[in-house]
Amino acid sequence: MNPISDKSTADTPPGGPSDHGCPPELLELFDALPNVMFCWKGPDDRYVAVNHAFVRRSGRMDRRDVLGARAVDLFPAPLAGRYEEQDRQVFADGEALRDELELIRRPDGSTGWYLTTKLPVVRDGEVVGLVSVSRDLETPSDEGIALESLTRVVELVQAQAGGALKVADLAAAAGCSEGQLERRMKKVFGLTATQYVLRVRVDRAADLLVDTDRSIAGIAAECGFSDQANLTRLFGRLIGETPARFRAAKSA
């Protein structure tokens, strides 16, 4: 794979990095983090600064191919729509969006879980931009899980993901308090206990949608969702498309 081109700001489109105020040292710092996507957006919803990981994630090889573009120009429509909806909310409310769990398709077609935080850039009381970081939640090794005494929690969630699981139940399985469990889960998985359970349920539902012809309502019940509408809502929030469209796209 060719290295990503690191062009100067003179090669960027109008309204590019020279206008957004992102210190070059900060961008260089994010360039050193291969599993963290960073971007800065202007009020017109166009990218004005991105790190190398973001360029790779968008399937491009050159930063100039990303700067000045919108999400809809770089990502599949369902995902782009979700990203831009989040951004509009941050611009409109001036409030941060923190620890948003997302399932993202990589350029090679594989999927991965990311945890995203978006912050408004405010100057003179006006939101003039948005900065975002998305951290790739790599699956930890079995050894790492064992070291954090979470093996029983993982086994319990895998075995009973379709049932009613409470944080207290998971803490009891781990032999610790709920507060200790949450700290260990964040350290190992980068997720809260509730987010981890949701991740397992959505992963299982996605597998069943692709590998079986079971009804969506049946899959929802089997994977611990209250009903088909609940599964559809969470699928749309996390993946950017309905279970039916997800199934159709995978079987095409």
Protein backbone atom coordinates (compact mmCIF):
# COMPACT_ATOMS: atom_id res chain seq x y z
CA MET A 1 0.00 0.00 0.00
CA ASN A 2 1.29 3.43 -0.91
CA PRO A 3 1.89 5.86 1.94
CA ILE A 4 -0.70 8.57 2.45
CA SER A 5 0.45 11.85 0.97
CA ASP A 6 1.02 14.60 3.53
CA LYS A 7 0.59 17.74 1.47
CA SER A 8 1.13 21.24 2.69
CA THR A 9 -1.78 23.58 3.31
CA ALA A 10 -0.95 25.31 0.03
CA ASP A 11 -2.28 22.22 -1.78
CA THR A 12 -5.61 22.19 0.06
CA PRO A 13 -8.88 23.64 -1.23
CA PRO A 14 -10.22 27.05 -0.18
CA GLY A 15 -11.61 26.97 3.32
CA GLY A 16 -9.13 24.23 4.17
CA PRO A 17 -6.78 23.77 7.13
CA SER A 18 -5.35 27.29 6.95
CA ASP A 19 -8.78 28.63 7.98
CA HIS A 20 -9.86 26.31 10.77
CA GLY A 21 -7.19 27.11 13.34
CA CYS A 22 -6.10 23.54 14.07
CA PRO A 23 -2.50 23.73 15.35
CA PRO A 24 -0.17 21.66 13.13
CA GLU A 25 1.28 20.06 16.26
CA LEU A 26 -2.16 18.72 17.19
CA LEU A 27 -2.68 17.23 13.74
CA GLU A 28 0.79 15.68 13.87
CA LEU A 29 -0.09 14.15 17.24
CA PHE A 30 -3.25 12.54 15.83
CA ASP A 31 -1.28 11.30 12.81
CA ALA A 32 0.75 9.22 15.25
CA LEU A 33 -2.38 7.36 16.45
CA PRO A 34 -3.18 4.67 13.85
CA ASN A 35 -6.34 3.44 15.60
CA VAL A 36 -7.89 6.86 16.21
CA MET A 37 -9.74 8.77 13.48
CA PHE A 38 -9.64 12.55 13.86
CA CYS A 39 -11.44 15.18 11.84
CA TRP A 40 -12.37 18.86 12.00
CA LYS A 41 -15.47 20.08 10.18
CA GLY A 42 -16.54 23.55 9.22
CA PRO A 43 -20.09 24.91 9.53
CA ASP A 44 -20.74 23.95 5.89
CA ASP A 45 -20.34 20.27 6.93
CA ARG A 46 -17.07 19.89 4.99
CA TYR A 47 -13.85 18.39 6.35
CA VAL A 48 -11.09 20.95 6.86
CA ALA A 49 -8.59 18.80 8.79
CA VAL A 50 -8.15 15.02 9.09
CA ASN A 51 -5.45 12.66 10.28
CA HIS A 52 -3.92 9.73 8.37
CA ALA A 53 -6.25 7.19 10.02
CA PHE A 54 -9.28 9.12 8.76
CA VAL A 55 -7.88 9.22 5.22
CA ARG A 56 -7.33 5.44 5.26
CA ARG A 57 -10.78 4.82 6.73
CA SER A 58 -12.38 6.80 3.91
CA GLY A 59 -10.60 4.60 1.36
CA ARG A 60 -8.47 7.47 0.06
CA MET A 61 -4.71 7.69 -0.21
CA ASP A 62 -4.23 11.46 -0.22
CA ARG A 63 -5.40 14.00 2.33
CA ARG A 64 -6.32 16.35 -0.51
CA ASP A 65 -9.00 13.88 -1.62
CA VAL A 66 -10.74 14.32 1.76
CA LEU A 67 -10.33 18.01 2.55
CA GLY A 68 -13.27 20.01 1.30
CA ALA A 69 -15.45 16.90 0.94
CA ARG A 70 -18.55 15.97 2.93
CA ALA A 71 -19.32 12.62 4.57
CA VAL A 72 -21.70 11.76 1.72
CA ASP A 73 -18.76 12.07 -0.70
CA LEU A 74 -16.62 9.57 1.22
CA PHE A 75 -18.81 6.97 2.94
CA PRO A 76 -21.78 4.72 2.08
CA ALA A 77 -25.04 6.68 2.13
CA PRO A 78 -26.55 5.10 5.30
CA LEU A 79 -23.38 5.76 7.31
CA ALA A 80 -22.85 9.24 5.86
CA GLY A 81 -26.42 10.16 6.73
CA ARG A 82 -25.88 9.08 10.31
CA TYR A 83 -22.61 11.02 10.64
CA GLU A 84 -24.14 14.19 9.22
CA GLU A 85 -27.21 13.87 11.44
CA GLN A 86 -24.93 13.70 14.50
CA ASP A 87 -22.98 16.72 13.27
CA ARG A 88 -26.13 18.78 12.70
CA GLN A 89 -27.17 18.02 16.26
CA VAL A 90 -23.83 19.25 17.65
CA PHE A 91 -23.94 22.41 15.53
CA ALA A 92 -27.57 23.12 16.46
CA ASP A 93 -27.34 22.42 20.20
CA GLY A 94 -23.73 23.36 20.85
CA GLU A 95 -23.52 20.25 23.02
CA ALA A 96 -20.91 17.50 22.89
CA LEU A 97 -21.74 13.99 21.72
CA ARG A 98 -19.72 11.57 23.84
CA ASP A 99 -18.94 7.84 23.73
CA GLU A 100 -21.29 7.07 20.84
CA LEU A 101 -20.94 3.37 19.99
CA GLU A 102 -20.85 2.78 16.23
CA LEU A 103 -20.38 -0.14 13.88
CA ILE A 104 -18.27 1.04 10.94
CA ARG A 105 -17.38 -0.64 7.68
CA ARG A 106 -13.69 -0.53 6.80
CA PRO A 107 -12.41 -0.12 3.22
CA ASP A 108 -11.70 -3.87 2.98
CA GLY A 109 -15.36 -4.63 3.70
CA SER A 110 -14.82 -5.77 7.28
CA THR A 111 -16.67 -4.17 10.16
CA GLY A 112 -15.37 -2.76 13.41
CA TRP A 113 -16.71 -1.12 16.52
CA TYR A 114 -15.74 2.46 17.21
CA LEU A 115 -16.39 4.81 20.12
CA THR A 116 -16.92 8.38 18.88
CA THR A 117 -16.85 11.74 20.65
CA LYS A 118 -17.75 15.01 18.88
CA LEU A 119 -17.19 18.46 20.38
CA PRO A 120 -18.34 21.87 19.14
CA VAL A 121 -15.70 24.53 18.43
CA VAL A 122 -17.10 27.74 19.91
CA ARG A 123 -15.78 31.25 19.24
CA ASP A 124 -17.47 34.40 20.53
CA GLY A 125 -20.47 32.34 21.57
CA GLU A 126 -20.97 30.84 18.09
CA VAL A 127 -20.36 27.26 16.98
CA VAL A 128 -17.89 27.66 14.10
CA GLY A 129 -16.70 24.09 13.77
CA LEU A 130 -16.73 20.55 15.09
CA VAL A 131 -13.92 18.20 16.11
CA SER A 132 -14.38 14.45 16.29
CA VAL A 133 -12.35 11.44 17.39
CA SER A 134 -13.36 7.81 16.79
CA ARG A 135 -11.37 5.09 18.54
CA ASP A 136 -11.19 1.61 17.05
CA LEU A 137 -12.28 -0.84 19.75
CA GLU A 138 -10.01 -3.75 19.03
CA THR A 139 -11.05 -7.02 20.64
CA PRO A 140 -8.70 -7.67 23.55
CA SER A 141 -6.84 -10.95 23.88
CA ASP A 142 -8.08 -13.74 26.09
CA GLU A 143 -5.06 -13.15 28.30
CA GLY A 144 -5.98 -9.50 28.76
CA ILE A 145 -9.54 -10.39 29.66
CA ALA A 146 -8.35 -12.94 32.22
CA LEU A 147 -6.00 -10.44 33.79
CA GLU A 148 -8.96 -8.14 34.43
CA SER A 149 -11.08 -10.98 35.90
CA LEU A 150 -13.69 -10.53 33.19
CA THR A 151 -13.75 -14.03 31.74
CA ARG A 152 -16.93 -14.97 33.61
CA VAL A 153 -18.59 -11.75 32.50
CA VAL A 154 -17.81 -12.45 28.85
CA GLU A 155 -19.08 -16.02 29.18
CA LEU A 156 -22.28 -14.87 30.90
CA VAL A 157 -23.05 -12.28 28.25
CA GLN A 158 -22.34 -14.71 25.43
CA ALA A 159 -24.54 -17.37 27.02
CA GLN A 160 -27.42 -15.14 28.10
CA ALA A 161 -27.34 -12.20 25.67
CA GLY A 162 -30.93 -12.96 24.76
CA GLY A 163 -32.10 -12.66 28.35
CA ALA A 164 -32.45 -9.86 30.86
CA LEU A 165 -28.94 -8.90 31.93
CA LYS A 166 -28.34 -6.25 34.56
CA VAL A 167 -25.05 -4.62 35.49
CA ALA A 168 -25.51 -6.06 38.98
CA ASP A 169 -25.63 -9.57 37.48
CA LEU A 170 -22.40 -8.98 35.58
CA ALA A 171 -20.69 -7.53 38.64
CA ALA A 172 -21.71 -10.57 40.68
CA ALA A 173 -20.25 -12.84 38.00
CA ALA A 174 -16.99 -10.90 38.13
CA GLY A 175 -16.94 -10.93 41.92
CA CYS A 176 -16.67 -7.17 42.25
CA SER A 177 -18.79 -4.07 42.76
CA GLU A 178 -20.64 -2.42 39.90
CA GLY A 179 -18.22 0.52 40.02
CA GLN A 180 -15.20 -1.80 39.82
CA LEU A 181 -16.79 -3.67 36.93
CA GLU A 182 -17.40 -0.49 34.97
CA ARG A 183 -13.79 0.62 35.45
CA ARG A 184 -12.47 -2.78 34.32
CA MET A 185 -14.80 -2.91 31.32
CA LYS A 186 -13.70 0.57 30.22
CA LYS A 187 -10.04 -0.37 30.65
CA VAL A 188 -10.24 -3.64 28.69
CA PHE A 189 -13.01 -3.03 26.16
CA GLY A 190 -13.30 0.75 26.10
CA LEU A 191 -17.01 0.24 26.80
CA THR A 192 -19.40 0.36 29.71
CA ALA A 193 -21.01 -2.91 30.72
CA THR A 194 -24.29 -1.86 29.11
CA GLN A 195 -22.54 -0.91 25.86
CA TYR A 196 -20.75 -4.26 25.83
CA VAL A 197 -24.02 -6.18 26.16
CA LEU A 198 -25.51 -4.11 23.34
CA ARG A 199 -22.46 -4.79 21.18
CA VAL A 200 -22.80 -8.55 21.67
CA ARG A 201 -26.53 -8.46 20.92
CA VAL A 202 -26.12 -6.41 17.75
CA ASP A 203 -23.23 -8.60 16.57
CA ARG A 204 -25.35 -11.71 17.11
CA ALA A 205 -28.36 -10.21 15.36
CA ALA A 206 -26.18 -9.22 12.39
CA ASP A 207 -24.83 -12.77 12.12
CA LEU A 208 -28.33 -14.27 12.23
CA LEU A 209 -29.59 -11.82 9.62
CA VAL A 210 -26.87 -12.95 7.23
CA ASP A 211 -26.58 -16.66 8.08
CA THR A 212 -30.24 -17.61 8.59
CA ASP A 213 -33.65 -16.93 7.07
CA ARG A 214 -35.31 -16.39 10.45
CA SER A 215 -37.77 -13.56 10.72
CA ILE A 216 -36.49 -10.22 11.99
CA ALA A 217 -39.00 -10.37 14.83
CA GLY A 218 -37.70 -13.80 15.83
CA ILE A 219 -34.09 -12.60 15.71
CA ALA A 220 -35.00 -9.61 17.86
CA ALA A 221 -36.49 -11.86 20.52
CA GLU A 222 -33.59 -14.31 20.39
CA CYS A 223 -30.98 -11.58 20.80
CA GLY A 224 -32.56 -9.85 23.78
CA PHE A 225 -34.35 -6.92 22.12
CA SER A 226 -37.79 -6.07 23.44
CA ASP A 227 -39.37 -6.32 19.99
CA GLN A 228 -38.65 -5.88 16.28
CA ALA A 229 -39.08 -2.11 16.53
CA ASN A 230 -36.43 -1.95 19.26
CA LEU A 231 -33.98 -3.95 17.13
CA THR A 232 -34.73 -1.79 14.08
CA ARG A 233 -34.19 1.44 16.03
CA LEU A 234 -30.87 0.33 17.52
CA PHE A 235 -29.69 -1.12 14.21
CA GLY A 236 -30.45 2.17 12.54
CA ARG A 237 -28.64 4.14 15.26
CA LEU A 238 -25.54 1.94 15.33
CA ILE A 239 -25.21 0.69 11.77
CA GLY A 240 -27.06 3.30 9.78
CA GLU A 241 -29.55 1.00 8.07
CA THR A 242 -32.50 -1.22 8.96
CA PRO A 243 -32.08 -4.96 9.60
CA ALA A 244 -33.96 -5.69 6.37
CA ARG A 245 -31.61 -3.54 4.29
CA PHE A 246 -28.58 -4.97 6.08
CA ARG A 247 -29.74 -8.49 5.24
CA ALA A 248 -30.49 -7.60 1.63
CA ALA A 249 -27.10 -5.93 1.14
CA LYS A 250 -25.21 -8.91 2.57
CA SER A 251 -27.14 -11.44 0.48
CA ALA A 252 -26.85 -9.49 -2.78
